[in-house]
Protein backbone atom coordinates (compact mmCIF):
# COMPACT_ATOMS: atom_id res chain seq x y z
CA GLY A 1 144.04 32.42 11.60
CA VAL A 2 143.97 35.51 13.75
CA LYS A 3 140.71 34.43 15.44
CA GLU A 4 142.46 31.39 16.87
CA ILE A 5 145.41 33.50 18.02
CA ALA A 6 143.07 36.04 19.61
CA ASP A 7 141.13 33.27 21.37
CA ALA A 8 144.38 31.84 22.74
CA LEU A 9 145.46 35.28 23.97
CA LYS A 10 142.39 35.44 26.17
CA PHE A 11 143.79 32.60 28.28
CA ASN A 12 147.54 33.06 27.86
CA THR A 13 149.41 34.32 30.92
CA SER A 14 153.04 34.14 29.75
CA LEU A 15 153.35 35.70 26.28
CA THR A 16 154.48 39.33 26.57
CA SER A 17 155.12 40.32 22.94
CA LEU A 18 153.26 39.48 19.73
CA SER A 19 153.90 40.52 16.14
CA LEU A 20 151.01 40.33 13.70
CA LYS A 21 152.50 42.84 11.27
CA SER A 22 152.14 42.34 7.52
CA ASN A 23 149.35 39.78 7.82
CA GLU A 24 146.68 41.55 5.76
CA LEU A 25 144.50 42.05 8.84
CA GLY A 26 141.40 44.18 8.37
CA HIS A 27 138.93 45.76 10.77
CA GLU A 28 137.20 42.43 11.50
CA GLU A 29 140.49 40.91 12.60
CA ALA A 30 141.23 44.05 14.63
CA LYS A 31 137.99 43.43 16.52
CA GLU A 32 139.14 39.90 17.38
CA VAL A 33 142.49 41.22 18.63
CA ALA A 34 140.76 44.02 20.56
CA ASP A 35 138.48 41.53 22.31
CA ALA A 36 141.55 39.58 23.39
CA LEU A 37 143.34 42.71 24.61
CA ARG A 38 140.42 43.48 26.88
CA ILE A 39 140.98 40.17 28.70
CA ASN A 40 144.72 39.43 28.41
CA THR A 41 146.84 40.58 31.35
CA SER A 42 150.35 39.55 30.25
CA LEU A 43 150.84 41.08 26.80
CA THR A 44 152.96 44.24 27.02
CA GLU A 45 153.72 44.75 23.32
CA ILE A 46 151.78 44.12 20.12
CA LEU A 47 152.93 44.95 16.60
CA LEU A 48 150.06 45.44 14.17
CA GLY A 49 151.81 47.55 11.54
CA TYR A 50 151.53 47.08 7.78
CA ASN A 51 147.98 45.73 7.78
CA TYR A 52 144.63 47.15 6.63
CA LEU A 53 142.96 48.00 9.94
CA GLY A 54 141.65 51.35 8.74
CA PRO A 55 139.85 53.84 11.01
CA GLU A 56 137.30 51.27 12.19
CA GLY A 57 139.96 48.76 13.22
CA ALA A 58 141.98 51.46 14.94
CA ARG A 59 138.87 52.47 16.88
CA GLU A 60 138.40 48.88 18.06
CA ILE A 61 141.99 48.74 19.31
CA ALA A 62 141.67 52.17 20.96
CA ASP A 63 138.55 51.08 22.83
CA ALA A 64 140.35 47.97 24.09
CA LEU A 65 143.22 50.11 25.38
CA LYS A 66 140.80 51.80 27.76
CA VAL A 67 140.58 48.58 29.79
CA SER A 68 143.89 46.87 29.01
CA THR A 69 146.07 46.79 32.12
CA SER A 70 149.32 45.40 30.71
CA LEU A 71 149.92 46.78 27.21
CA THR A 72 152.68 49.41 27.15
CA SER A 73 153.77 49.32 23.49
CA LEU A 74 151.61 49.34 20.37
CA HIS A 75 152.65 49.70 16.71
CA LEU A 76 149.93 50.64 14.23
CA GLY A 77 152.01 52.23 11.47
CA SER A 78 150.99 51.82 7.82
CA ASN A 79 147.39 50.77 8.47
CA HIS A 80 145.44 53.27 6.35
CA ILE A 81 144.11 54.91 9.53
CA GLU A 82 144.12 58.56 8.41
């Protein structure tokens, strides 16, 4: 699942783009991804659109962006964030 992907991202140094769109991810999964984004230094693009992150999940991702040094592109469309 997404936990395993997030755990792998913490150690990955070559992957630059990842699409997790349309995977029914919620705020708990967003937290896992956010934790990975805080550590990963190679990912430049992540697509998280068409999930169910909601405001709480979006907040987790936003907090991770404060320390992420590599991410330059983020897609969060259609996530019930309003």
